[in-house]
Every structure is written in structure tokens, then in C-alpha cells.
Amino acid sequence: MNKGVLKKESNNIYDNNLYVIAHDLSASFNHIKGFAEILSGKIADKITAEDQLYFEHLILAVRKSEAMLSAITKLSHIPL
């Protein structure tokens, strides 16, 4: 095989791995965010304002992580 073919194959493997990792992490973050939102809603009248703020920070952190993973997923479809 020549170097061009090897580089293309290597890039394809890299892109596929990025996509799989981002997809799997995204699923986990969706579960965390969903659980936090449900839990926060169920106990909203039983927790302090500070505790509610913790839930909001958790949900915000997951949203930021999802945005980052979305960018990685898009990047994985661009030839290097």
C-alpha cells in the first residue's frame, strides 16, 4: 500500500472512532440530564435555592458537554 492509501485508511478509522466515542458519551449525558431534570422537578418544592442552583449547574454542564460532543461528531465527518 502506498502512503496516501494508508493515510486515508487511518483517517477513516480515526473519524469512525471519534463518532462512536461522541455518540456513546452523548447517550450517557442525555441520561444524566434527563434524570437531573426529573429529580429537580420532583423535589423542587423540598430543596433549598442553593440545591436548585446545583441542579441548574449540573444541567448546564451537560448541555455544554453535549455541544462539545456535537462539534466532535461533526468534525469526524470532515476529511483530515
C-alpha atoms as a PDB file:
ATOM      1  CA  MET A   1       0.000   0.000   0.000  1.00  0.00           C
ATOM      2  CA  ASN A   2       1.189   3.498  -0.672  1.00  0.00           C
ATOM      3  CA  LYS A   3       1.317   6.260   1.945  1.00  0.00           C
ATOM      4  CA  GLY A   4      -1.749   8.049   0.546  1.00  0.00           C
ATOM      5  CA  VAL A   5      -3.938   4.969   0.897  1.00  0.00           C
ATOM      6  CA  LEU A   6      -2.624   4.268   4.395  1.00  0.00           C
ATOM      7  CA  LYS A   7      -3.244   7.874   5.442  1.00  0.00           C
ATOM      8  CA  LYS A   8      -6.803   7.782   4.096  1.00  0.00           C
ATOM      9  CA  GLU A   9      -7.499   4.483   5.860  1.00  0.00           C
ATOM     10  CA  SER A  10      -6.005   5.830   9.080  1.00  0.00           C
ATOM     11  CA  ASN A  11      -8.154   8.969   8.833  1.00  0.00           C
ATOM     12  CA  ASN A  12     -11.274   6.859   8.271  1.00  0.00           C
ATOM     13  CA  ILE A  13     -10.537   4.785  11.370  1.00  0.00           C
ATOM     14  CA  TYR A  14      -9.882   7.972  13.365  1.00  0.00           C
ATOM     15  CA  ASP A  15     -13.127   9.579  12.146  1.00  0.00           C
ATOM     16  CA  ASN A  16     -15.148   6.454  12.924  1.00  0.00           C
ATOM     17  CA  ASN A  17     -13.677   6.209  16.421  1.00  0.00           C
ATOM     18  CA  LEU A  18     -14.419   9.876  17.116  1.00  0.00           C
ATOM     19  CA  TYR A  19     -18.000   9.397  16.010  1.00  0.00           C
ATOM     20  CA  VAL A  20     -18.531   6.264  18.118  1.00  0.00           C
ATOM     21  CA  ILE A  21     -16.995   7.837  21.234  1.00  0.00           C
ATOM     22  CA  ALA A  22     -19.012  11.040  20.847  1.00  0.00           C
ATOM     23  CA  HIS A  23     -22.219   9.091  20.232  1.00  0.00           C
ATOM     24  CA  ASP A  24     -21.739   6.871  23.289  1.00  0.00           C
ATOM     25  CA  LEU A  25     -20.862   9.793  25.552  1.00  0.00           C
ATOM     26  CA  SER A  26     -23.829  11.749  24.251  1.00  0.00           C
ATOM     27  CA  ALA A  27     -26.191   8.945  25.257  1.00  0.00           C
ATOM     28  CA  SER A  28     -24.751   8.953  28.774  1.00  0.00           C
ATOM     29  CA  PHE A  29     -25.065  12.730  29.050  1.00  0.00           C
ATOM     30  CA  ASN A  30     -28.681  12.551  27.881  1.00  0.00           C
ATOM     31  CA  HIS A  31     -29.444  10.114  30.686  1.00  0.00           C
ATOM     32  CA  ILE A  32     -27.729  12.312  33.287  1.00  0.00           C
ATOM     33  CA  LYS A  33     -29.520  15.440  32.082  1.00  0.00           C
ATOM     34  CA  GLY A  34     -32.904  13.710  31.936  1.00  0.00           C
ATOM     35  CA  PHE A  35     -32.527  12.236  35.400  1.00  0.00           C
ATOM     36  CA  ALA A  36     -31.408  15.573  36.868  1.00  0.00           C
ATOM     37  CA  GLU A  37     -34.360  17.379  35.268  1.00  0.00           C
ATOM     38  CA  ILE A  38     -36.868  14.806  36.534  1.00  0.00           C
ATOM     39  CA  LEU A  39     -35.363  14.743  40.009  1.00  0.00           C
ATOM     40  CA  SER A  40     -35.154  18.522  40.175  1.00  0.00           C
ATOM     41  CA  GLY A  41     -38.806  18.834  39.169  1.00  0.00           C
ATOM     42  CA  LYS A  42     -39.986  16.226  41.664  1.00  0.00           C
ATOM     43  CA  ILE A  43     -38.209  17.755  44.633  1.00  0.00           C
ATOM     44  CA  ALA A  44     -38.272  21.423  43.605  1.00  0.00           C
ATOM     45  CA  ASP A  45     -40.561  22.387  46.495  1.00  0.00           C
ATOM     46  CA  LYS A  46     -38.481  20.410  49.013  1.00  0.00           C
ATOM     47  CA  ILE A  47     -34.980  21.724  48.342  1.00  0.00           C
ATOM     48  CA  THR A  48     -33.229  24.967  49.057  1.00  0.00           C
ATOM     49  CA  ALA A  49     -32.487  27.599  46.443  1.00  0.00           C
ATOM     50  CA  GLU A  50     -28.820  26.601  46.704  1.00  0.00           C
ATOM     51  CA  ASP A  51     -29.669  22.961  45.962  1.00  0.00           C
ATOM     52  CA  GLN A  52     -31.761  24.058  42.968  1.00  0.00           C
ATOM     53  CA  LEU A  53     -28.756  26.026  41.750  1.00  0.00           C
ATOM     54  CA  TYR A  54     -26.661  22.845  41.905  1.00  0.00           C
ATOM     55  CA  PHE A  55     -29.173  21.080  39.665  1.00  0.00           C
ATOM     56  CA  GLU A  56     -29.125  24.002  37.232  1.00  0.00           C
ATOM     57  CA  HIS A  57     -25.320  23.888  37.107  1.00  0.00           C
ATOM     58  CA  LEU A  58     -25.419  20.138  36.502  1.00  0.00           C
ATOM     59  CA  ILE A  59     -27.874  20.518  33.636  1.00  0.00           C
ATOM     60  CA  LEU A  60     -25.883  23.422  32.157  1.00  0.00           C
ATOM     61  CA  ALA A  61     -22.654  21.403  32.328  1.00  0.00           C
ATOM     62  CA  VAL A  62     -24.324  18.522  30.497  1.00  0.00           C
ATOM     63  CA  ARG A  63     -25.641  20.888  27.803  1.00  0.00           C
ATOM     64  CA  LYS A  64     -22.147  22.308  27.298  1.00  0.00           C
ATOM     65  CA  SER A  65     -20.744  18.782  27.061  1.00  0.00           C
ATOM     66  CA  GLU A  66     -23.424  17.850  24.538  1.00  0.00           C
ATOM     67  CA  ALA A  67     -22.490  20.866  22.402  1.00  0.00           C
ATOM     68  CA  MET A  68     -18.833  19.860  22.525  1.00  0.00           C
ATOM     69  CA  LEU A  69     -19.689  16.288  21.547  1.00  0.00           C
ATOM     70  CA  SER A  70     -21.844  17.571  18.708  1.00  0.00           C
ATOM     71  CA  ALA A  71     -18.862  19.524  17.389  1.00  0.00           C
ATOM     72  CA  ILE A  72     -16.665  16.420  17.654  1.00  0.00           C
ATOM     73  CA  THR A  73     -19.273  14.386  15.793  1.00  0.00           C
ATOM     74  CA  LYS A  74     -19.400  16.975  13.008  1.00  0.00           C
ATOM     75  CA  LEU A  75     -15.606  17.042  12.893  1.00  0.00           C
ATOM     76  CA  SER A  76     -15.496  13.282  12.457  1.00  0.00           C
ATOM     77  CA  HIS A  77     -17.296  13.632   9.111  1.00  0.00           C
ATOM     78  CA  ILE A  78     -14.724  16.095   7.718  1.00  0.00           C
ATOM     79  CA  PRO A  79     -11.769  14.509   5.922  1.00  0.00           C
ATOM     80  CA  LEU A  80      -8.498  15.419   7.618  1.00  0.00           C
END
